[in-house]
PDB file of N, CA and C in Angstrom:
ATOM      1  N   MET A   1     -40.247  15.949 150.581  1.00  0.00           N
ATOM      2  CA  MET A   1     -41.072  15.785 151.746  1.00  0.00           C
ATOM      3  C   MET A   1     -42.429  15.285 151.283  1.00  0.00           C
ATOM      4  N   ALA A   2     -43.017  14.428 152.059  1.00  0.00           N
ATOM      5  CA  ALA A   2     -44.289  13.833 151.661  1.00  0.00           C
ATOM      6  C   ALA A   2     -45.488  14.670 152.066  1.00  0.00           C
ATOM      7  N   ALA A   3     -45.421  15.305 153.197  1.00  0.00           N
ATOM      8  CA  ALA A   3     -46.574  16.059 153.680  1.00  0.00           C
ATOM      9  C   ALA A   3     -46.456  17.523 153.282  1.00  0.00           C
ATOM     10  N   PRO A   4     -47.589  18.172 153.035  1.00  0.00           N
ATOM     11  CA  PRO A   4     -47.524  19.601 152.705  1.00  0.00           C
ATOM     12  C   PRO A   4     -46.952  20.403 153.871  1.00  0.00           C
ATOM     13  N   LEU A   5     -46.092  21.347 153.559  1.00  0.00           N
ATOM     14  CA  LEU A   5     -45.488  22.196 154.583  1.00  0.00           C
ATOM     15  C   LEU A   5     -46.036  23.605 154.468  1.00  0.00           C
ATOM     16  N   THR A   6     -46.123  24.269 155.582  1.00  0.00           N
ATOM     17  CA  THR A   6     -46.495  25.689 155.587  1.00  0.00           C
ATOM     18  C   THR A   6     -45.431  26.420 156.392  1.00  0.00           C
ATOM     19  N   GLU A   7     -44.358  26.740 155.727  1.00  0.00           N
ATOM     20  CA  GLU A   7     -43.230  27.425 156.353  1.00  0.00           C
ATOM     21  C   GLU A   7     -43.019  28.747 155.631  1.00  0.00           C
ATOM     22  N   PRO A   8     -43.228  29.877 156.317  1.00  0.00           N
ATOM     23  CA  PRO A   8     -43.137  31.175 155.646  1.00  0.00           C
ATOM     24  C   PRO A   8     -41.747  31.513 155.113  1.00  0.00           C
ATOM     25  N   ASP A   9     -40.691  30.924 155.686  1.00  0.00           N
ATOM     26  CA  ASP A   9     -39.345  31.275 155.238  1.00  0.00           C
ATOM     27  C   ASP A   9     -38.737  30.234 154.287  1.00  0.00           C
ATOM     28  N   LEU A  10     -39.568  29.324 153.776  1.00  0.00           N
ATOM     29  CA  LEU A  10     -39.097  28.323 152.822  1.00  0.00           C
ATOM     30  C   LEU A  10     -39.872  28.421 151.518  1.00  0.00           C
ATOM     31  N   LEU A  11     -39.172  28.256 150.408  1.00  0.00           N
ATOM     32  CA  LEU A  11     -39.804  28.161 149.109  1.00  0.00           C
ATOM     33  C   LEU A  11     -40.064  26.686 148.858  1.00  0.00           C
ATOM     34  N   ILE A  12     -41.297  26.346 148.567  1.00  0.00           N
ATOM     35  CA  ILE A  12     -41.678  24.945 148.390  1.00  0.00           C
ATOM     36  C   ILE A  12     -42.166  24.746 146.967  1.00  0.00           C
ATOM     37  N   GLU A  13     -41.548  23.803 146.263  1.00  0.00           N
ATOM     38  CA  GLU A  13     -41.872  23.518 144.873  1.00  0.00           C
ATOM     39  C   GLU A  13     -42.137  22.020 144.736  1.00  0.00           C
ATOM     40  N   PRO A  14     -43.278  21.613 144.175  1.00  0.00           N
ATOM     41  CA  PRO A  14     -43.531  20.180 143.993  1.00  0.00           C
ATOM     42  C   PRO A  14     -42.450  19.548 143.120  1.00  0.00           C
ATOM     43  N   LEU A  15     -41.973  18.408 143.538  1.00  0.00           N
ATOM     44  CA  LEU A  15     -40.941  17.694 142.790  1.00  0.00           C
ATOM     45  C   LEU A  15     -41.572  16.736 141.787  1.00  0.00           C
ATOM     46  N   LEU A  16     -42.587  16.006 142.204  1.00  0.00           N
ATOM     47  CA  LEU A  16     -43.275  15.085 141.315  1.00  0.00           C
ATOM     48  C   LEU A  16     -44.638  14.752 141.900  1.00  0.00           C
ATOM     49  N   GLU A  17     -45.482  14.190 141.066  1.00  0.00           N
ATOM     50  CA  GLU A  17     -46.783  13.693 141.498  1.00  0.00           C
ATOM     51  C   GLU A  17     -46.818  12.215 141.170  1.00  0.00           C
ATOM     52  N   GLU A  18     -47.402  11.428 142.071  1.00  0.00           N
ATOM     53  CA  GLU A  18     -47.513  10.007 141.798  1.00  0.00           C
ATOM     54  C   GLU A  18     -48.893   9.512 142.188  1.00  0.00           C
ATOM     55  N   GLN A  19     -49.318   8.449 141.558  1.00  0.00           N
ATOM     56  CA  GLN A  19     -50.610   7.860 141.856  1.00  0.00           C
ATOM     57  C   GLN A  19     -50.454   6.875 142.998  1.00  0.00           C
ATOM     58  N   LEU A  20     -51.473   6.811 143.839  1.00  0.00           N
ATOM     59  CA  LEU A  20     -51.532   5.812 144.891  1.00  0.00           C
ATOM     60  C   LEU A  20     -52.579   4.785 144.497  1.00  0.00           C
ATOM     61  N   TYR A  21     -52.337   3.538 144.829  1.00  0.00           N
ATOM     62  CA  TYR A  21     -53.239   2.462 144.449  1.00  0.00           C
ATOM     63  C   TYR A  21     -53.783   1.760 145.678  1.00  0.00           C
ATOM     64  N   LEU A  22     -55.050   1.407 145.611  1.00  0.00           N
ATOM     65  CA  LEU A  22     -55.676   0.572 146.617  1.00  0.00           C
ATOM     66  C   LEU A  22     -55.593  -0.854 146.102  1.00  0.00           C
ATOM     67  N   VAL A  23     -55.083  -1.762 146.918  1.00  0.00           N
ATOM     68  CA  VAL A  23     -54.897  -3.147 146.506  1.00  0.00           C
ATOM     69  C   VAL A  23     -55.750  -4.023 147.406  1.00  0.00           C
ATOM     70  N   GLY A  24     -56.459  -4.952 146.809  1.00  0.00           N
ATOM     71  CA  GLY A  24     -57.284  -5.876 147.579  1.00  0.00           C
ATOM     72  C   GLY A  24     -57.208  -7.263 146.988  1.00  0.00           C
ATOM     73  N   PRO A  25     -57.660  -8.260 147.751  1.00  0.00           N
ATOM     74  CA  PRO A  25     -57.625  -9.637 147.247  1.00  0.00           C
ATOM     75  C   PRO A  25     -58.651  -9.832 146.134  1.00  0.00           C
ATOM     76  N   VAL A  26     -58.448 -10.859 145.341  1.00  0.00           N
ATOM     77  CA  VAL A  26     -59.398 -11.210 144.285  1.00  0.00           C
ATOM     78  C   VAL A  26     -60.771 -11.385 144.927  1.00  0.00           C
ATOM     79  N   GLY A  27     -61.777 -10.813 144.292  1.00  0.00           N
ATOM     80  CA  GLY A  27     -63.144 -10.959 144.789  1.00  0.00           C
ATOM     81  C   GLY A  27     -63.556  -9.906 145.805  1.00  0.00           C
ATOM     82  N   CYS A  28     -62.705  -8.923 146.049  1.00  0.00           N
ATOM     83  CA  CYS A  28     -63.022  -7.905 147.058  1.00  0.00           C
ATOM     84  C   CYS A  28     -63.940  -6.813 146.526  1.00  0.00           C
ATOM     85  N   GLY A  29     -64.178  -6.780 145.226  1.00  0.00           N
ATOM     86  CA  GLY A  29     -65.073  -5.786 144.657  1.00  0.00           C
ATOM     87  C   GLY A  29     -64.382  -4.629 143.962  1.00  0.00           C
ATOM     88  N   LEU A  30     -63.054  -4.548 144.068  1.00  0.00           N
ATOM     89  CA  LEU A  30     -62.336  -3.501 143.333  1.00  0.00           C
ATOM     90  C   LEU A  30     -62.347  -3.821 141.848  1.00  0.00           C
ATOM     91  N   ARG A  31     -62.433  -2.769 141.051  1.00  0.00           N
ATOM     92  CA  ARG A  31     -62.376  -2.936 139.595  1.00  0.00           C
ATOM     93  C   ARG A  31     -61.316  -1.999 139.053  1.00  0.00           C
ATOM     94  N   SER A  32     -60.395  -2.525 138.271  1.00  0.00           N
ATOM     95  CA  SER A  32     -59.298  -1.703 137.762  1.00  0.00           C
ATOM     96  C   SER A  32     -59.776  -0.641 136.784  1.00  0.00           C
ATOM     97  N   ASN A  33     -60.948  -0.811 136.213  1.00  0.00           N
ATOM     98  CA  ASN A  33     -61.452   0.154 135.242  1.00  0.00           C
ATOM     99  C   ASN A  33     -62.415   1.162 135.868  1.00  0.00           C
ATOM    100  N   GLN A  34     -62.564   1.127 137.188  1.00  0.00           N
ATOM    101  CA  GLN A  34     -63.499   2.030 137.853  1.00  0.00           C
ATOM    102  C   GLN A  34     -62.826   2.673 139.063  1.00  0.00           C
ATOM    103  N   PRO A  35     -62.716   3.997 139.064  1.00  0.00           N
ATOM    104  CA  PRO A  35     -62.095   4.679 140.211  1.00  0.00           C
ATOM    105  C   PRO A  35     -62.919   4.484 141.482  1.00  0.00           C
ATOM    106  N   ILE A  36     -62.252   4.566 142.622  1.00  0.00           N
ATOM    107  CA  ILE A  36     -62.923   4.476 143.915  1.00  0.00           C
ATOM    108  C   ILE A  36     -62.686   5.792 144.646  1.00  0.00           C
ATOM    109  N   SER A  37     -63.697   6.274 145.311  1.00  0.00           N
ATOM    110  CA  SER A  37     -63.563   7.551 146.013  1.00  0.00           C
ATOM    111  C   SER A  37     -62.884   7.348 147.365  1.00  0.00           C
ATOM    112  N   LEU A  38     -62.273   8.400 147.844  1.00  0.00           N
ATOM    113  CA  LEU A  38     -61.641   8.353 149.162  1.00  0.00           C
ATOM    114  C   LEU A  38     -62.689   8.071 150.235  1.00  0.00           C
ATOM    115  N   ASP A  39     -63.892   8.569 150.043  1.00  0.00           N
ATOM    116  CA  ASP A  39     -64.977   8.316 150.987  1.00  0.00           C
ATOM    117  C   ASP A  39     -65.305   6.820 151.046  1.00  0.00           C
ATOM    118  N   ASP A  40     -65.283   6.147 149.891  1.00  0.00           N
ATOM    119  CA  ASP A  40     -65.511   4.699 149.873  1.00  0.00           C
ATOM    120  C   ASP A  40     -64.363   3.945 150.532  1.00  0.00           C
ATOM    121  N   VAL A  41     -63.147   4.410 150.325  1.00  0.00           N
ATOM    122  CA  VAL A  41     -61.981   3.771 150.942  1.00  0.00           C
ATOM    123  C   VAL A  41     -62.057   3.881 152.465  1.00  0.00           C
ATOM    124  N   ALA A  42     -62.674   4.947 152.963  1.00  0.00           N
ATOM    125  CA  ALA A  42     -62.788   5.150 154.411  1.00  0.00           C
ATOM    126  C   ALA A  42     -63.594   4.039 155.078  1.00  0.00           C
ATOM    127  N   ASP A  43     -64.386   3.293 154.307  1.00  0.00           N
ATOM    128  CA  ASP A  43     -65.154   2.181 154.863  1.00  0.00           C
ATOM    129  C   ASP A  43     -64.346   0.887 154.916  1.00  0.00           C
ATOM    130  N   CYS A  44     -63.145   0.889 154.364  1.00  0.00           N
ATOM    131  CA  CYS A  44     -62.293  -0.309 154.318  1.00  0.00           C
ATOM    132  C   CYS A  44     -61.294  -0.313 155.468  1.00  0.00           C
ATOM    133  N   LYS A  45     -60.973  -1.524 155.951  1.00  0.00           N
ATOM    134  CA  LYS A  45     -59.874  -1.653 156.900  1.00  0.00           C
ATOM    135  C   LYS A  45     -58.579  -1.693 156.090  1.00  0.00           C
ATOM    136  N   LEU A  46     -57.617  -0.853 156.476  1.00  0.00           N
ATOM    137  CA  LEU A  46     -56.400  -0.686 155.692  1.00  0.00           C
ATOM    138  C   LEU A  46     -55.170  -1.242 156.396  1.00  0.00           C
ATOM    139  N   ILE A  47     -54.221  -1.680 155.598  1.00  0.00           N
ATOM    140  CA  ILE A  47     -52.898  -2.085 156.067  1.00  0.00           C
ATOM    141  C   ILE A  47     -51.979  -0.923 155.757  1.00  0.00           C
ATOM    142  N   LEU A  48     -51.421  -0.306 156.788  1.00  0.00           N
ATOM    143  CA  LEU A  48     -50.624   0.907 156.611  1.00  0.00           C
ATOM    144  C   LEU A  48     -49.303   0.819 157.347  1.00  0.00           C
ATOM    145  N   THR A  49     -48.386   1.674 156.949  1.00  0.00           N
ATOM    146  CA  THR A  49     -47.151   1.832 157.699  1.00  0.00           C
ATOM    147  C   THR A  49     -47.469   2.628 158.969  1.00  0.00           C
ATOM    148  N   PRO A  50     -46.676   2.456 160.026  1.00  0.00           N
ATOM    149  CA  PRO A  50     -46.942   3.205 161.258  1.00  0.00           C
ATOM    150  C   PRO A  50     -46.548   4.668 161.128  1.00  0.00           C
ATOM    151  N   ARG A  51     -47.113   5.489 161.998  1.00  0.00           N
ATOM    152  CA  ARG A  51     -46.703   6.895 162.080  1.00  0.00           C
ATOM    153  C   ARG A  51     -45.262   6.939 162.551  1.00  0.00           C
ATOM    154  N   PRO A  52     -44.476   7.866 162.183  1.00  0.00           N
ATOM    155  CA  PRO A  52     -44.719   9.089 161.440  1.00  0.00           C
ATOM    156  C   PRO A  52     -44.365   8.973 159.961  1.00  0.00           C
ATOM    157  N   ASP A  53     -44.532   7.827 159.362  1.00  0.00           N
ATOM    158  CA  ASP A  53     -44.215   7.644 157.944  1.00  0.00           C
ATOM    159  C   ASP A  53     -44.881   8.734 157.105  1.00  0.00           C
ATOM    160  N   GLY A  54     -44.152   9.286 156.141  1.00  0.00           N
ATOM    161  CA  GLY A  54     -44.646  10.389 155.329  1.00  0.00           C
ATOM    162  C   GLY A  54     -45.894  10.049 154.542  1.00  0.00           C
ATOM    163  N   LEU A  55     -45.949   8.850 153.966  1.00  0.00           N
ATOM    164  CA  LEU A  55     -47.125   8.452 153.205  1.00  0.00           C
ATOM    165  C   LEU A  55     -48.322   8.300 154.138  1.00  0.00           C
ATOM    166  N   ARG A  56     -48.106   7.720 155.298  1.00  0.00           N
ATOM    167  CA  ARG A  56     -49.193   7.572 156.280  1.00  0.00           C
ATOM    168  C   ARG A  56     -49.729   8.949 156.672  1.00  0.00           C
ATOM    169  N   THR A  57     -48.837   9.901 156.895  1.00  0.00           N
ATOM    170  CA  THR A  57     -49.233  11.264 157.258  1.00  0.00           C
ATOM    171  C   THR A  57     -50.064  11.890 156.148  1.00  0.00           C
ATOM    172  N   LEU A  58     -49.650  11.697 154.914  1.00  0.00           N
ATOM    173  CA  LEU A  58     -50.378  12.229 153.764  1.00  0.00           C
ATOM    174  C   LEU A  58     -51.774  11.614 153.666  1.00  0.00           C
ATOM    175  N   ILE A  59     -51.870  10.308 153.824  1.00  0.00           N
ATOM    176  CA  ILE A  59     -53.165   9.618 153.747  1.00  0.00           C
ATOM    177  C   ILE A  59     -54.083  10.100 154.867  1.00  0.00           C
ATOM    178  N   GLU A  60     -53.558  10.206 156.076  1.00  0.00           N
ATOM    179  CA  GLU A  60     -54.370  10.689 157.198  1.00  0.00           C
ATOM    180  C   GLU A  60     -54.866  12.113 156.953  1.00  0.00           C
ATOM    181  N   ALA A  61     -54.032  12.948 156.374  1.00  0.00           N
ATOM    182  CA  ALA A  61     -54.431  14.330 156.093  1.00  0.00           C
ATOM    183  C   ALA A  61     -55.566  14.374 155.075  1.00  0.00           C
ATOM    184  N   GLU A  62     -55.509  13.518 154.071  1.00  0.00           N
ATOM    185  CA  GLU A  62     -56.570  13.485 153.066  1.00  0.00           C
ATOM    186  C   GLU A  62     -57.887  12.979 153.665  1.00  0.00           C
ATOM    187  N   PHE A  63     -57.814  11.990 154.536  1.00  0.00           N
ATOM    188  CA  PHE A  63     -59.031  11.515 155.208  1.00  0.00           C
ATOM    189  C   PHE A  63     -59.604  12.619 156.092  1.00  0.00           C
ATOM    190  N   ALA A  64     -58.749  13.333 156.807  1.00  0.00           N
ATOM    191  CA  ALA A  64     -59.207  14.440 157.664  1.00  0.00           C
ATOM    192  C   ALA A  64     -59.856  15.529 156.820  1.00  0.00           C
ATOM    193  N   ARG A  65     -59.317  15.766 155.635  1.00  0.00           N
ATOM    194  CA  ARG A  65     -59.861  16.791 154.746  1.00  0.00           C
ATOM    195  C   ARG A  65     -61.317  16.510 154.384  1.00  0.00           C
ATOM    196  N   ILE A  66     -61.689  15.222 154.274  1.00  0.00           N
ATOM    197  CA  ILE A  66     -63.078  14.874 153.940  1.00  0.00           C
ATOM    198  C   ILE A  66     -63.888  14.525 155.189  1.00  0.00           C
ATOM    199  N   GLY A  67     -63.288  14.732 156.367  1.00  0.00           N
ATOM    200  CA  GLY A  67     -64.010  14.502 157.612  1.00  0.00           C
ATOM    201  C   GLY A  67     -64.173  13.041 157.986  1.00  0.00           C
ATOM    202  N   ARG A  68     -63.258  12.206 157.539  1.00  0.00           N
ATOM    203  CA  ARG A  68     -63.322  10.763 157.841  1.00  0.00           C
ATOM    204  C   ARG A  68     -62.061  10.344 158.569  1.00  0.00           C
ATOM    205  N   ARG A  69     -62.137   9.201 159.231  1.00  0.00           N
ATOM    206  CA  ARG A  69     -60.981   8.626 159.914  1.00  0.00           C
ATOM    207  C   ARG A  69     -60.609   7.309 159.270  1.00  0.00           C
ATOM    208  N   ILE A  70     -59.344   6.996 159.310  1.00  0.00           N
ATOM    209  CA  ILE A  70     -58.841   5.743 158.744  1.00  0.00           C
ATOM    210  C   ILE A  70     -59.186   4.590 159.677  1.00  0.00           C
ATOM    211  N   LYS A  71     -59.604   3.476 159.086  1.00  0.00           N
ATOM    212  CA  LYS A  71     -59.797   2.231 159.823  1.00  0.00           C
ATOM    213  C   LYS A  71     -58.552   1.389 159.581  1.00  0.00           C
ATOM    214  N   VAL A  72     -57.736   1.237 160.585  1.00  0.00           N
ATOM    215  CA  VAL A  72     -56.463   0.519 160.443  1.00  0.00           C
ATOM    216  C   VAL A  72     -56.644  -0.931 160.874  1.00  0.00           C
ATOM    217  N   ALA A  73     -56.362  -1.858 159.969  1.00  0.00           N
ATOM    218  CA  ALA A  73     -56.390  -3.287 160.291  1.00  0.00           C
ATOM    219  C   ALA A  73     -55.057  -3.696 160.900  1.00  0.00           C
ATOM    220  N   VAL A  74     -53.961  -3.244 160.277  1.00  0.00           N
ATOM    221  CA  VAL A  74     -52.609  -3.603 160.699  1.00  0.00           C
ATOM    222  C   VAL A  74     -51.677  -2.448 160.369  1.00  0.00           C
ATOM    223  N   GLU A  75     -50.748  -2.172 161.268  1.00  0.00           N
ATOM    224  CA  GLU A  75     -49.637  -1.258 160.982  1.00  0.00           C
ATOM    225  C   GLU A  75     -48.384  -2.111 160.874  1.00  0.00           C
ATOM    226  N   THR A  76     -47.677  -1.979 159.773  1.00  0.00           N
ATOM    227  CA  THR A  76     -46.470  -2.780 159.590  1.00  0.00           C
ATOM    228  C   THR A  76     -45.482  -2.073 158.675  1.00  0.00           C
ATOM    229  N   GLU A  77     -44.221  -2.252 158.959  1.00  0.00           N
ATOM    230  CA  GLU A  77     -43.170  -1.763 158.080  1.00  0.00           C
ATOM    231  C   GLU A  77     -42.542  -2.907 157.299  1.00  0.00           C
ATOM    232  N   TYR A  78     -42.548  -4.082 157.893  1.00  0.00           N
ATOM    233  CA  TYR A  78     -41.737  -5.163 157.344  1.00  0.00           C
ATOM    234  C   TYR A  78     -42.523  -6.355 156.821  1.00  0.00           C
ATOM    235  N   ALA A  79     -43.751  -6.521 157.271  1.00  0.00           N
ATOM    236  CA  ALA A  79     -44.519  -7.689 156.833  1.00  0.00           C
ATOM    237  C   ALA A  79     -44.781  -7.598 155.339  1.00  0.00           C
ATOM    238  N   PRO A  80     -44.749  -8.736 154.652  1.00  0.00           N
ATOM    239  CA  PRO A  80     -45.067  -8.717 153.216  1.00  0.00           C
ATOM    240  C   PRO A  80     -46.529  -8.305 153.017  1.00  0.00           C
ATOM    241  N   MET A  81     -46.732  -7.133 152.456  1.00  0.00           N
ATOM    242  CA  MET A  81     -48.086  -6.603 152.271  1.00  0.00           C
ATOM    243  C   MET A  81     -48.961  -7.556 151.463  1.00  0.00           C
ATOM    244  N   ALA A  82     -48.407  -8.131 150.410  1.00  0.00           N
ATOM    245  CA  ALA A  82     -49.205  -9.012 149.557  1.00  0.00           C
ATOM    246  C   ALA A  82     -49.767 -10.201 150.344  1.00  0.00           C
ATOM    247  N   ASP A  83     -48.995 -10.743 151.269  1.00  0.00           N
ATOM    248  CA  ASP A  83     -49.481 -11.862 152.090  1.00  0.00           C
ATOM    249  C   ASP A  83     -50.614 -11.423 153.001  1.00  0.00           C
ATOM    250  N   LEU A  84     -50.501 -10.231 153.566  1.00  0.00           N
ATOM    251  CA  LEU A  84     -51.567  -9.707 154.421  1.00  0.00           C
ATOM    252  C   LEU A  84     -52.835  -9.452 153.613  1.00  0.00           C
ATOM    253  N   ILE A  85     -52.681  -8.952 152.403  1.00  0.00           N
ATOM    254  CA  ILE A  85     -53.843  -8.697 151.534  1.00  0.00           C
ATOM    255  C   ILE A  85     -54.501 -10.009 151.132  1.00  0.00           C
ATOM    256  N   ARG A  86     -53.693 -10.973 150.700  1.00  0.00           N
ATOM    257  CA  ARG A  86     -54.254 -12.276 150.318  1.00  0.00           C
ATOM    258  C   ARG A  86     -54.978 -12.925 151.487  1.00  0.00           C
ATOM    259  N   GLY A  87     -54.464 -12.718 152.682  1.00  0.00           N
ATOM    260  CA  GLY A  87     -55.086 -13.273 153.889  1.00  0.00           C
ATOM    261  C   GLY A  87     -56.295 -12.478 154.340  1.00  0.00           C
ATOM    262  N   LYS A  88     -56.672 -11.438 153.603  1.00  0.00           N
ATOM    263  CA  LYS A  88     -57.838 -10.605 153.862  1.00  0.00           C
ATOM    264  C   LYS A  88     -57.782  -9.946 155.240  1.00  0.00           C
ATOM    265  N   VAL A  89     -56.564  -9.599 155.646  1.00  0.00           N
ATOM    266  CA  VAL A  89     -56.371  -8.887 156.909  1.00  0.00           C
ATOM    267  C   VAL A  89     -56.913  -7.466 156.786  1.00  0.00           C
ATOM    268  N   GLY A  90     -56.721  -6.886 155.629  1.00  0.00           N
ATOM    269  CA  GLY A  90     -57.203  -5.521 155.395  1.00  0.00           C
ATOM    270  C   GLY A  90     -57.221  -5.228 153.934  1.00  0.00           C
TER     271      GLY A  90
END
């Protein structure tokens, strides 16, 4: 499951941890050798999968945790993300 669960009658054990990456077009100001804070990401328009996707739910929960809201440029399941990024949609 992608989102944290709070179920009193279930034992929940993390299966794995993975890194998430922010991807932007060349010249957008991202640097691979410098981390970016979630607060800084909150100022960016993002290309995301639509709700109720598990990753989308997780990202929204993390933004809520820091008191910020996601700025959604596009919601898509099927569009080639790389083309949208190159086109500076988000």
